[in-house]
Amino acid sequence: MDDATFDKIARNELSYIEEQFMEVDPDEVEVSSSDGVITLELRDGVRIVINSHRAARQIWMAAVADAWHFNYNESDKLWRTSESNPAELRATLKAVIKKQLGLDVPL
């Protein structure tokens, strides 16, 4: 995948994630974004950072004491970790928010 293709696919994914938080009360989750980085400030003080990383062709996410590196899977058009039991970006983000706040964000 070339840089332009990666940038477009990653940007679309980050935009989608950001849009899903438009209906979430900002007192629960405050969203900010800048130049390929989304920061979610949860009401309990936890910060989730999601960013595209062009050199690695990945989307990275850090939350609490964990970090994930997601690769784009052409076959199912999802961002997944490369572990033997891969995690998917949207499901992982949803699970972190559910665990921290009890909120069910539609991702």
PDB file of N, CA and C in Angstrom:
ATOM      1  N   MET A   1       0.852  -1.171   0.000  1.00  0.00           N
ATOM      2  CA  MET A   1       0.000   0.000   0.000  1.00  0.00           C
ATOM      3  C   MET A   1       0.903   1.242   0.000  1.00  0.00           C
ATOM      4  N   ASP A   2       0.600   2.197  -0.855  1.00  0.00           N
ATOM      5  CA  ASP A   2       1.413   3.408  -0.911  1.00  0.00           C
ATOM      6  C   ASP A   2       0.944   4.414   0.145  1.00  0.00           C
ATOM      7  N   ASP A   3       1.735   5.481   0.325  1.00  0.00           N
ATOM      8  CA  ASP A   3       1.435   6.479   1.357  1.00  0.00           C
ATOM      9  C   ASP A   3       0.059   7.108   1.178  1.00  0.00           C
ATOM     10  N   ALA A   4      -0.281   7.472  -0.043  1.00  0.00           N
ATOM     11  CA  ALA A   4      -1.559   8.143  -0.291  1.00  0.00           C
ATOM     12  C   ALA A   4      -2.740   7.239   0.039  1.00  0.00           C
ATOM     13  N   THR A   5      -2.642   5.980  -0.324  1.00  0.00           N
ATOM     14  CA  THR A   5      -3.721   5.032  -0.019  1.00  0.00           C
ATOM     15  C   THR A   5      -3.844   4.829   1.482  1.00  0.00           C
ATOM     16  N   PHE A   6      -2.703   4.610   2.142  1.00  0.00           N
ATOM     17  CA  PHE A   6      -2.742   4.455   3.596  1.00  0.00           C
ATOM     18  C   PHE A   6      -3.356   5.685   4.251  1.00  0.00           C
ATOM     19  N   ASP A   7      -2.888   6.867   3.864  1.00  0.00           N
ATOM     20  CA  ASP A   7      -3.395   8.108   4.465  1.00  0.00           C
ATOM     21  C   ASP A   7      -4.908   8.220   4.307  1.00  0.00           C
ATOM     22  N   LYS A   8      -5.413   7.890   3.136  1.00  0.00           N
ATOM     23  CA  LYS A   8      -6.852   7.987   2.884  1.00  0.00           C
ATOM     24  C   LYS A   8      -7.625   6.997   3.749  1.00  0.00           C
ATOM     25  N   ILE A   9      -7.187   5.751   3.794  1.00  0.00           N
ATOM     26  CA  ILE A   9      -7.893   4.726   4.574  1.00  0.00           C
ATOM     27  C   ILE A   9      -7.824   5.044   6.064  1.00  0.00           C
ATOM     28  N   ALA A  10      -6.656   5.439   6.548  1.00  0.00           N
ATOM     29  CA  ALA A  10      -6.508   5.772   7.973  1.00  0.00           C
ATOM     30  C   ALA A  10      -7.322   7.015   8.331  1.00  0.00           C
ATOM     31  N   ARG A  11      -7.278   8.032   7.491  1.00  0.00           N
ATOM     32  CA  ARG A  11      -8.042   9.257   7.737  1.00  0.00           C
ATOM     33  C   ARG A  11      -9.538   8.958   7.785  1.00  0.00           C
ATOM     34  N   ASN A  12     -10.020   8.112   6.880  1.00  0.00           N
ATOM     35  CA  ASN A  12     -11.439   7.735   6.886  1.00  0.00           C
ATOM     36  C   ASN A  12     -11.816   7.028   8.182  1.00  0.00           C
ATOM     37  N   GLU A  13     -10.946   6.147   8.661  1.00  0.00           N
ATOM     38  CA  GLU A  13     -11.232   5.430   9.904  1.00  0.00           C
ATOM     39  C   GLU A  13     -11.254   6.383  11.100  1.00  0.00           C
ATOM     40  N   LEU A  14     -10.284   7.259  11.174  1.00  0.00           N
ATOM     41  CA  LEU A  14     -10.250   8.216  12.285  1.00  0.00           C
ATOM     42  C   LEU A  14     -11.442   9.163  12.228  1.00  0.00           C
ATOM     43  N   SER A  15     -11.833   9.586  11.038  1.00  0.00           N
ATOM     44  CA  SER A  15     -13.018  10.444  10.891  1.00  0.00           C
ATOM     45  C   SER A  15     -14.274   9.719  11.350  1.00  0.00           C
ATOM     46  N   TYR A  16     -14.390   8.448  10.970  1.00  0.00           N
ATOM     47  CA  TYR A  16     -15.542   7.650  11.395  1.00  0.00           C
ATOM     48  C   TYR A  16     -15.605   7.576  12.925  1.00  0.00           C
ATOM     49  N   ILE A  17     -14.485   7.274  13.543  1.00  0.00           N
ATOM     50  CA  ILE A  17     -14.452   7.174  15.008  1.00  0.00           C
ATOM     51  C   ILE A  17     -14.864   8.501  15.640  1.00  0.00           C
ATOM     52  N   GLU A  18     -14.297   9.576  15.155  1.00  0.00           N
ATOM     53  CA  GLU A  18     -14.631  10.894  15.701  1.00  0.00           C
ATOM     54  C   GLU A  18     -16.121  11.197  15.555  1.00  0.00           C
ATOM     55  N   GLU A  19     -16.686  10.887  14.400  1.00  0.00           N
ATOM     56  CA  GLU A  19     -18.113  11.133  14.155  1.00  0.00           C
ATOM     57  C   GLU A  19     -19.003  10.354  15.116  1.00  0.00           C
ATOM     58  N   GLN A  20     -18.594   9.161  15.509  1.00  0.00           N
ATOM     59  CA  GLN A  20     -19.421   8.344  16.398  1.00  0.00           C
ATOM     60  C   GLN A  20     -19.550   8.958  17.786  1.00  0.00           C
ATOM     61  N   PHE A  21     -18.652   9.854  18.122  1.00  0.00           N
ATOM     62  CA  PHE A  21     -18.704  10.496  19.434  1.00  0.00           C
ATOM     63  C   PHE A  21     -19.467  11.815  19.415  1.00  0.00           C
ATOM     64  N   MET A  22     -19.998  12.205  18.261  1.00  0.00           N
ATOM     65  CA  MET A  22     -20.747  13.461  18.152  1.00  0.00           C
ATOM     66  C   MET A  22     -21.999  13.456  19.035  1.00  0.00           C
ATOM     67  N   GLU A  23     -22.597  12.286  19.214  1.00  0.00           N
ATOM     68  CA  GLU A  23     -23.818  12.172  20.005  1.00  0.00           C
ATOM     69  C   GLU A  23     -23.554  11.831  21.472  1.00  0.00           C
ATOM     70  N   VAL A  24     -22.290  11.617  21.824  1.00  0.00           N
ATOM     71  CA  VAL A  24     -21.934  11.276  23.203  1.00  0.00           C
ATOM     72  C   VAL A  24     -21.779  12.568  23.990  1.00  0.00           C
ATOM     73  N   ASP A  25     -22.366  12.608  25.183  1.00  0.00           N
ATOM     74  CA  ASP A  25     -22.281  13.773  26.061  1.00  0.00           C
ATOM     75  C   ASP A  25     -20.810  14.132  26.293  1.00  0.00           C
ATOM     76  N   PRO A  26     -20.409  15.376  25.986  1.00  0.00           N
ATOM     77  CA  PRO A  26     -19.010  15.762  26.176  1.00  0.00           C
ATOM     78  C   PRO A  26     -18.570  15.732  27.641  1.00  0.00           C
ATOM     79  N   ASP A  27     -19.517  15.700  28.572  1.00  0.00           N
ATOM     80  CA  ASP A  27     -19.154  15.520  29.980  1.00  0.00           C
ATOM     81  C   ASP A  27     -18.712  14.087  30.250  1.00  0.00           C
ATOM     82  N   GLU A  28     -19.113  13.166  29.385  1.00  0.00           N
ATOM     83  CA  GLU A  28     -18.705  11.764  29.490  1.00  0.00           C
ATOM     84  C   GLU A  28     -17.394  11.525  28.750  1.00  0.00           C
ATOM     85  N   VAL A  29     -17.341  11.995  27.501  1.00  0.00           N
ATOM     86  CA  VAL A  29     -16.149  11.818  26.662  1.00  0.00           C
ATOM     87  C   VAL A  29     -15.929  13.107  25.873  1.00  0.00           C
ATOM     88  N   GLU A  30     -14.823  13.767  26.158  1.00  0.00           N
ATOM     89  CA  GLU A  30     -14.464  14.966  25.406  1.00  0.00           C
ATOM     90  C   GLU A  30     -13.507  14.557  24.295  1.00  0.00           C
ATOM     91  N   VAL A  31     -13.835  14.946  23.072  1.00  0.00           N
ATOM     92  CA  VAL A  31     -13.069  14.533  21.895  1.00  0.00           C
ATOM     93  C   VAL A  31     -12.324  15.726  21.309  1.00  0.00           C
ATOM     94  N   SER A  32     -11.059  15.502  21.025  1.00  0.00           N
ATOM     95  CA  SER A  32     -10.301  16.510  20.277  1.00  0.00           C
ATOM     96  C   SER A  32      -9.487  15.779  19.216  1.00  0.00           C
ATOM     97  N   SER A  33      -9.251  16.463  18.107  1.00  0.00           N
ATOM     98  CA  SER A  33      -8.470  15.840  17.041  1.00  0.00           C
ATOM     99  C   SER A  33      -7.590  16.884  16.385  1.00  0.00           C
ATOM    100  N   SER A  34      -6.445  16.407  15.918  1.00  0.00           N
ATOM    101  CA  SER A  34      -5.509  17.284  15.240  1.00  0.00           C
ATOM    102  C   SER A  34      -4.518  16.449  14.445  1.00  0.00           C
ATOM    103  N   ASP A  35      -4.466  16.686  13.162  1.00  0.00           N
ATOM    104  CA  ASP A  35      -3.436  16.117  12.293  1.00  0.00           C
ATOM    105  C   ASP A  35      -3.230  14.610  12.477  1.00  0.00           C
ATOM    106  N   GLY A  36      -4.310  13.846  12.344  1.00  0.00           N
ATOM    107  CA  GLY A  36      -4.189  12.392  12.411  1.00  0.00           C
ATOM    108  C   GLY A  36      -4.160  11.806  13.809  1.00  0.00           C
ATOM    109  N   VAL A  37      -4.517  12.615  14.821  1.00  0.00           N
ATOM    110  CA  VAL A  37      -4.542  12.132  16.203  1.00  0.00           C
ATOM    111  C   VAL A  37      -5.887  12.489  16.826  1.00  0.00           C
ATOM    112  N   ILE A  38      -6.542  11.483  17.415  1.00  0.00           N
ATOM    113  CA  ILE A  38      -7.773  11.707  18.171  1.00  0.00           C
ATOM    114  C   ILE A  38      -7.445  11.456  19.632  1.00  0.00           C
ATOM    115  N   THR A  39      -7.869  12.387  20.488  1.00  0.00           N
ATOM    116  CA  THR A  39      -7.702  12.216  21.923  1.00  0.00           C
ATOM    117  C   THR A  39      -9.090  12.209  22.556  1.00  0.00           C
ATOM    118  N   LEU A  40      -9.362  11.176  23.333  1.00  0.00           N
ATOM    119  CA  LEU A  40     -10.621  11.048  24.054  1.00  0.00           C
ATOM    120  C   LEU A  40     -10.313  11.191  25.537  1.00  0.00           C
ATOM    121  N   GLU A  41     -10.892  12.206  26.158  1.00  0.00           N
ATOM    122  CA  GLU A  41     -10.737  12.419  27.600  1.00  0.00           C
ATOM    123  C   GLU A  41     -12.010  11.912  28.260  1.00  0.00           C
ATOM    124  N   LEU A  42     -11.903  10.813  29.004  1.00  0.00           N
ATOM    125  CA  LEU A  42     -13.058  10.236  29.664  1.00  0.00           C
ATOM    126  C   LEU A  42     -13.321  10.943  30.988  1.00  0.00           C
ATOM    127  N   ARG A  43     -14.568  10.919  31.436  1.00  0.00           N
ATOM    128  CA  ARG A  43     -14.937  11.635  32.658  1.00  0.00           C
ATOM    129  C   ARG A  43     -14.160  11.153  33.874  1.00  0.00           C
ATOM    130  N   ASP A  44     -13.655   9.928  33.843  1.00  0.00           N
ATOM    131  CA  ASP A  44     -12.896   9.397  34.980  1.00  0.00           C
ATOM    132  C   ASP A  44     -11.413   9.769  34.919  1.00  0.00           C
ATOM    133  N   GLY A  45     -11.035  10.608  33.941  1.00  0.00           N
ATOM    134  CA  GLY A  45      -9.660  11.061  33.822  1.00  0.00           C
ATOM    135  C   GLY A  45      -8.805  10.228  32.882  1.00  0.00           C
ATOM    136  N   VAL A  46      -9.317   9.096  32.437  1.00  0.00           N
ATOM    137  CA  VAL A  46      -8.567   8.261  31.506  1.00  0.00           C
ATOM    138  C   VAL A  46      -8.504   8.955  30.147  1.00  0.00           C
ATOM    139  N   ARG A  47      -7.354   8.878  29.526  1.00  0.00           N
ATOM    140  CA  ARG A  47      -7.150   9.457  28.198  1.00  0.00           C
ATOM    141  C   ARG A  47      -6.879   8.312  27.220  1.00  0.00           C
ATOM    142  N   ILE A  48      -7.569   8.347  26.080  1.00  0.00           N
ATOM    143  CA  ILE A  48      -7.346   7.395  24.993  1.00  0.00           C
ATOM    144  C   ILE A  48      -6.821   8.190  23.810  1.00  0.00           C
ATOM    145  N   VAL A  49      -5.698   7.746  23.273  1.00  0.00           N
ATOM    146  CA  VAL A  49      -5.110   8.421  22.119  1.00  0.00           C
ATOM    147  C   VAL A  49      -5.068   7.432  20.957  1.00  0.00           C
ATOM    148  N   ILE A  50      -5.599   7.871  19.815  1.00  0.00           N
ATOM    149  CA  ILE A  50      -5.632   7.047  18.606  1.00  0.00           C
ATOM    150  C   ILE A  50      -4.981   7.862  17.496  1.00  0.00           C
ATOM    151  N   ASN A  51      -4.002   7.275  16.832  1.00  0.00           N
ATOM    152  CA  ASN A  51      -3.341   8.021  15.762  1.00  0.00           C
ATOM    153  C   ASN A  51      -2.902   7.106  14.631  1.00  0.00           C
ATOM    154  N   SER A  52      -2.790   7.713  13.463  1.00  0.00           N
ATOM    155  CA  SER A  52      -2.261   6.965  12.321  1.00  0.00           C
ATOM    156  C   SER A  52      -0.743   7.080  12.347  1.00  0.00           C
ATOM    157  N   HIS A  53      -0.093   6.019  11.938  1.00  0.00           N
ATOM    158  CA  HIS A  53       1.368   5.982  11.911  1.00  0.00           C
ATOM    159  C   HIS A  53       1.783   5.501  10.519  1.00  0.00           C
ATOM    160  N   ARG A  54       2.074   6.462   9.655  1.00  0.00           N
ATOM    161  CA  ARG A  54       2.348   6.161   8.247  1.00  0.00           C
ATOM    162  C   ARG A  54       3.542   5.226   8.067  1.00  0.00           C
ATOM    163  N   ALA A  55       4.630   5.466   8.782  1.00  0.00           N
ATOM    164  CA  ALA A  55       5.846   4.654   8.594  1.00  0.00           C
ATOM    165  C   ALA A  55       5.579   3.172   8.842  1.00  0.00           C
ATOM    166  N   ALA A  56       4.737   2.883   9.838  1.00  0.00           N
ATOM    167  CA  ALA A  56       4.416   1.490  10.157  1.00  0.00           C
ATOM    168  C   ALA A  56       3.167   1.003   9.411  1.00  0.00           C
ATOM    169  N   ARG A  57       2.458   1.917   8.750  1.00  0.00           N
ATOM    170  CA  ARG A  57       1.194   1.604   8.068  1.00  0.00           C
ATOM    171  C   ARG A  57       0.187   1.022   9.070  1.00  0.00           C
ATOM    172  N   GLN A  58       0.088   1.680  10.230  1.00  0.00           N
ATOM    173  CA  GLN A  58      -0.780   1.197  11.299  1.00  0.00           C
ATOM    174  C   GLN A  58      -1.554   2.353  11.914  1.00  0.00           C
ATOM    175  N   ILE A  59      -2.612   1.987  12.638  1.00  0.00           N
ATOM    176  CA  ILE A  59      -3.272   2.908  13.554  1.00  0.00           C
ATOM    177  C   ILE A  59      -2.907   2.419  14.947  1.00  0.00           C
ATOM    178  N   TRP A  60      -2.409   3.342  15.752  1.00  0.00           N
ATOM    179  CA  TRP A  60      -2.018   3.013  17.116  1.00  0.00           C
ATOM    180  C   TRP A  60      -3.043   3.564  18.090  1.00  0.00           C
ATOM    181  N   MET A  61      -3.283   2.810  19.160  1.00  0.00           N
ATOM    182  CA  MET A  61      -4.188   3.256  20.211  1.00  0.00           C
ATOM    183  C   MET A  61      -3.543   2.969  21.556  1.00  0.00           C
ATOM    184  N   ALA A  62      -3.617   3.946  22.451  1.00  0.00           N
ATOM    185  CA  ALA A  62      -3.121   3.777  23.814  1.00  0.00           C
ATOM    186  C   ALA A  62      -4.228   4.183  24.775  1.00  0.00           C
ATOM    187  N   ALA A  63      -4.427   3.360  25.807  1.00  0.00           N
ATOM    188  CA  ALA A  63      -5.448   3.636  26.814  1.00  0.00           C
ATOM    189  C   ALA A  63      -5.074   2.920  28.097  1.00  0.00           C
ATOM    190  N   VAL A  64      -5.282   3.614  29.213  1.00  0.00           N
ATOM    191  CA  VAL A  64      -4.970   3.087  30.535  1.00  0.00           C
ATOM    192  C   VAL A  64      -3.497   2.649  30.521  1.00  0.00           C
ATOM    193  N   ALA A  65      -3.208   1.379  30.641  1.00  0.00           N
ATOM    194  CA  ALA A  65      -1.821   0.903  30.627  1.00  0.00           C
ATOM    195  C   ALA A  65      -1.573  -0.026  29.450  1.00  0.00           C
ATOM    196  N   ASP A  66      -2.398   0.074  28.413  1.00  0.00           N
ATOM    197  CA  ASP A  66      -2.291  -0.802  27.251  1.00  0.00           C
ATOM    198  C   ASP A  66      -2.059   0.007  25.981  1.00  0.00           C
ATOM    199  N   ALA A  67      -1.499  -0.666  24.991  1.00  0.00           N
ATOM    200  CA  ALA A  67      -1.313  -0.064  23.669  1.00  0.00           C
ATOM    201  C   ALA A  67      -1.520  -1.145  22.621  1.00  0.00           C
ATOM    202  N   TRP A  68      -2.079  -0.735  21.479  1.00  0.00           N
ATOM    203  CA  TRP A  68      -2.347  -1.653  20.375  1.00  0.00           C
ATOM    204  C   TRP A  68      -1.842  -1.032  19.092  1.00  0.00           C
ATOM    205  N   HIS A  69      -1.395  -1.888  18.180  1.00  0.00           N
ATOM    206  CA  HIS A  69      -0.998  -1.463  16.839  1.00  0.00           C
ATOM    207  C   HIS A  69      -1.871  -2.245  15.856  1.00  0.00           C
ATOM    208  N   PHE A  70      -2.708  -1.534  15.121  1.00  0.00           N
ATOM    209  CA  PHE A  70      -3.670  -2.155  14.220  1.00  0.00           C
ATOM    210  C   PHE A  70      -3.218  -2.008  12.766  1.00  0.00           C
ATOM    211  N   ASN A  71      -3.260  -3.106  12.037  1.00  0.00           N
ATOM    212  CA  ASN A  71      -2.940  -3.146  10.610  1.00  0.00           C
ATOM    213  C   ASN A  71      -4.241  -3.222   9.817  1.00  0.00           C
ATOM    214  N   TYR A  72      -4.244  -2.604   8.647  1.00  0.00           N
ATOM    215  CA  TYR A  72      -5.432  -2.665   7.804  1.00  0.00           C
ATOM    216  C   TYR A  72      -5.503  -4.029   7.121  1.00  0.00           C
ATOM    217  N   ASN A  73      -6.640  -4.687   7.241  1.00  0.00           N
ATOM    218  CA  ASN A  73      -6.864  -5.994   6.635  1.00  0.00           C
ATOM    219  C   ASN A  73      -7.696  -5.789   5.368  1.00  0.00           C
ATOM    220  N   GLU A  74      -7.080  -5.952   4.228  1.00  0.00           N
ATOM    221  CA  GLU A  74      -7.764  -5.743   2.942  1.00  0.00           C
ATOM    222  C   GLU A  74      -8.982  -6.633   2.768  1.00  0.00           C
ATOM    223  N   SER A  75      -8.912  -7.866   3.246  1.00  0.00           N
ATOM    224  CA  SER A  75     -10.003  -8.815   2.979  1.00  0.00           C
ATOM    225  C   SER A  75     -11.310  -8.430   3.650  1.00  0.00           C
ATOM    226  N   ASP A  76     -11.260  -7.917   4.878  1.00  0.00           N
ATOM    227  CA  ASP A  76     -12.523  -7.555   5.539  1.00  0.00           C
ATOM    228  C   ASP A  76     -12.643  -6.051   5.805  1.00  0.00           C
ATOM    229  N   LYS A  77     -11.641  -5.279   5.356  1.00  0.00           N
ATOM    230  CA  LYS A  77     -11.645  -3.817   5.464  1.00  0.00           C
ATOM    231  C   LYS A  77     -11.691  -3.346   6.913  1.00  0.00           C
ATOM    232  N   LEU A  78     -11.038  -4.083   7.818  1.00  0.00           N
ATOM    233  CA  LEU A  78     -10.989  -3.731   9.238  1.00  0.00           C
ATOM    234  C   LEU A  78      -9.548  -3.564   9.683  1.00  0.00           C
ATOM    235  N   TRP A  79      -9.376  -2.813  10.752  1.00  0.00           N
ATOM    236  CA  TRP A  79      -8.062  -2.613  11.368  1.00  0.00           C
ATOM    237  C   TRP A  79      -7.917  -3.637  12.488  1.00  0.00           C
ATOM    238  N   ARG A  80      -6.895  -4.500  12.376  1.00  0.00           N
ATOM    239  CA  ARG A  80      -6.706  -5.591  13.338  1.00  0.00           C
ATOM    240  C   ARG A  80      -5.258  -5.656  13.808  1.00  0.00           C
ATOM    241  N   THR A  81      -5.074  -6.131  15.041  1.00  0.00           N
ATOM    242  CA  THR A  81      -3.719  -6.386  15.524  1.00  0.00           C
ATOM    243  C   THR A  81      -3.192  -7.623  14.813  1.00  0.00           C
ATOM    244  N   SER A  82      -1.889  -7.826  14.878  1.00  0.00           N
ATOM    245  CA  SER A  82      -1.298  -8.975  14.180  1.00  0.00           C
ATOM    246  C   SER A  82      -1.053 -10.163  15.103  1.00  0.00           C
ATOM    247  N   GLU A  83      -1.684 -10.167  16.263  1.00  0.00           N
ATOM    248  CA  GLU A  83      -1.521 -11.276  17.203  1.00  0.00           C
ATOM    249  C   GLU A  83      -2.205 -12.528  16.671  1.00  0.00           C
ATOM    250  N   SER A  84      -1.937 -13.663  17.311  1.00  0.00           N
ATOM    251  CA  SER A  84      -2.573 -14.912  16.876  1.00  0.00           C
ATOM    252  C   SER A  84      -4.091 -14.862  17.081  1.00  0.00           C
ATOM    253  N   ASN A  85      -4.539 -14.093  18.051  1.00  0.00           N
ATOM    254  CA  ASN A  85      -5.968 -13.862  18.278  1.00  0.00           C
ATOM    255  C   ASN A  85      -6.189 -12.355  18.119  1.00  0.00           C
ATOM    256  N   PRO A  86      -6.301 -11.879  16.871  1.00  0.00           N
ATOM    257  CA  PRO A  86      -6.287 -10.434  16.627  1.00  0.00           C
ATOM    258  C   PRO A  86      -7.481  -9.682  17.206  1.00  0.00           C
ATOM    259  N   ALA A  87      -7.178  -8.499  17.729  1.00  0.00           N
ATOM    260  CA  ALA A  87      -8.214  -7.579  18.205  1.00  0.00           C
ATOM    261  C   ALA A  87      -8.536  -6.624  17.061  1.00  0.00           C
ATOM    262  N   GLU A  88      -9.764  -6.140  17.020  1.00  0.00           N
ATOM    263  CA  GLU A  88     -10.200  -5.202  15.990  1.00  0.00           C
ATOM    264  C   GLU A  88     -10.320  -3.823  16.630  1.00  0.00           C
ATOM    265  N   LEU A  89      -9.919  -2.783  15.925  1.00  0.00           N
ATOM    266  CA  LEU A  89      -9.856  -1.424  16.462  1.00  0.00           C
ATOM    267  C   LEU A  89     -11.166  -0.955  17.087  1.00  0.00           C
ATOM    268  N   ARG A  90     -12.242  -0.957  16.333  1.00  0.00           N
ATOM    269  CA  ARG A  90     -13.512  -0.421  16.839  1.00  0.00           C
ATOM    270  C   ARG A  90     -14.007  -1.208  18.040  1.00  0.00           C
ATOM    271  N   ALA A  91     -13.916  -2.527  17.981  1.00  0.00           N
ATOM    272  CA  ALA A  91     -14.366  -3.364  19.099  1.00  0.00           C
ATOM    273  C   ALA A  91     -13.503  -3.130  20.339  1.00  0.00           C
ATOM    274  N   THR A  92     -12.214  -2.938  20.133  1.00  0.00           N
ATOM    275  CA  THR A  92     -11.306  -2.692  21.259  1.00  0.00           C
ATOM    276  C   THR A  92     -11.623  -1.354  21.908  1.00  0.00           C
ATOM    277  N   LEU A  93     -11.801  -0.319  21.106  1.00  0.00           N
ATOM    278  CA  LEU A  93     -12.147   1.000  21.636  1.00  0.00           C
ATOM    279  C   LEU A  93     -13.477   0.947  22.379  1.00  0.00           C
ATOM    280  N   LYS A  94     -14.443   0.300  21.789  1.00  0.00           N
ATOM    281  CA  LYS A  94     -15.762   0.163  22.415  1.00  0.00           C
ATOM    282  C   LYS A  94     -15.649  -0.540  23.768  1.00  0.00           C
ATOM    283  N   ALA A  95     -14.855  -1.600  23.835  1.00  0.00           N
ATOM    284  CA  ALA A  95     -14.687  -2.355  25.080  1.00  0.00           C
ATOM    285  C   ALA A  95     -13.998  -1.522  26.161  1.00  0.00           C
ATOM    286  N   VAL A  96     -12.995  -0.737  25.786  1.00  0.00           N
ATOM    287  CA  VAL A  96     -12.305   0.110  26.756  1.00  0.00           C
ATOM    288  C   VAL A  96     -13.268   1.130  27.356  1.00  0.00           C
ATOM    289  N   ILE A  97     -14.065   1.770  26.507  1.00  0.00           N
ATOM    290  CA  ILE A  97     -15.005   2.778  26.993  1.00  0.00           C
ATOM    291  C   ILE A  97     -16.094   2.137  27.854  1.00  0.00           C
ATOM    292  N   LYS A  98     -16.563   0.989  27.445  1.00  0.00           N
ATOM    293  CA  LYS A  98     -17.575   0.270  28.230  1.00  0.00           C
ATOM    294  C   LYS A  98     -17.018  -0.078  29.616  1.00  0.00           C
ATOM    295  N   LYS A  99     -15.795  -0.563  29.657  1.00  0.00           N
ATOM    296  CA  LYS A  99     -15.181  -0.947  30.929  1.00  0.00           C
ATOM    297  C   LYS A  99     -14.960   0.270  31.829  1.00  0.00           C
ATOM    298  N   GLN A 100     -14.492   1.370  31.248  1.00  0.00           N
ATOM    299  CA  GLN A 100     -14.169   2.555  32.047  1.00  0.00           C
ATOM    300  C   GLN A 100     -15.399   3.329  32.505  1.00  0.00           C
ATOM    301  N   LEU A 101     -16.385   3.477  31.607  1.00  0.00           N
ATOM    302  CA  LEU A 101     -17.516   4.360  31.897  1.00  0.00           C
ATOM    303  C   LEU A 101     -18.874   3.666  31.934  1.00  0.00           C
ATOM    304  N   GLY A 102     -18.935   2.440  31.433  1.00  0.00           N
ATOM    305  CA  GLY A 102     -20.230   1.777  31.326  1.00  0.00           C
ATOM    306  C   GLY A 102     -21.041   2.273  30.145  1.00  0.00           C
ATOM    307  N   LEU A 103     -20.432   3.070  29.263  1.00  0.00           N
ATOM    308  CA  LEU A 103     -21.123   3.610  28.088  1.00  0.00           C
ATOM    309  C   LEU A 103     -20.995   2.631  26.915  1.00  0.00           C
ATOM    310  N   ASP A 104     -22.066   2.553  26.148  1.00  0.00           N
ATOM    311  CA  ASP A 104     -22.067   1.712  24.958  1.00  0.00           C
ATOM    312  C   ASP A 104     -22.067   2.636  23.737  1.00  0.00           C
ATOM    313  N   VAL A 105     -20.886   2.927  23.232  1.00  0.00           N
ATOM    314  CA  VAL A 105     -20.745   3.836  22.078  1.00  0.00           C
ATOM    315  C   VAL A 105     -20.914   3.017  20.799  1.00  0.00           C
ATOM    316  N   PRO A 106     -21.773   3.471  19.885  1.00  0.00           N
ATOM    317  CA  PRO A 106     -21.998   2.722  18.632  1.00  0.00           C
ATOM    318  C   PRO A 106     -20.828   2.866  17.666  1.00  0.00           C
ATOM    319  N   LEU A 107     -19.948   1.891  17.665  1.00  0.00           N
ATOM    320  CA  LEU A 107     -18.791   1.951  16.758  1.00  0.00           C
ATOM    321  C   LEU A 107     -18.882   0.881  15.691  1.00  0.00           C
TER     322      LEU A 107
END
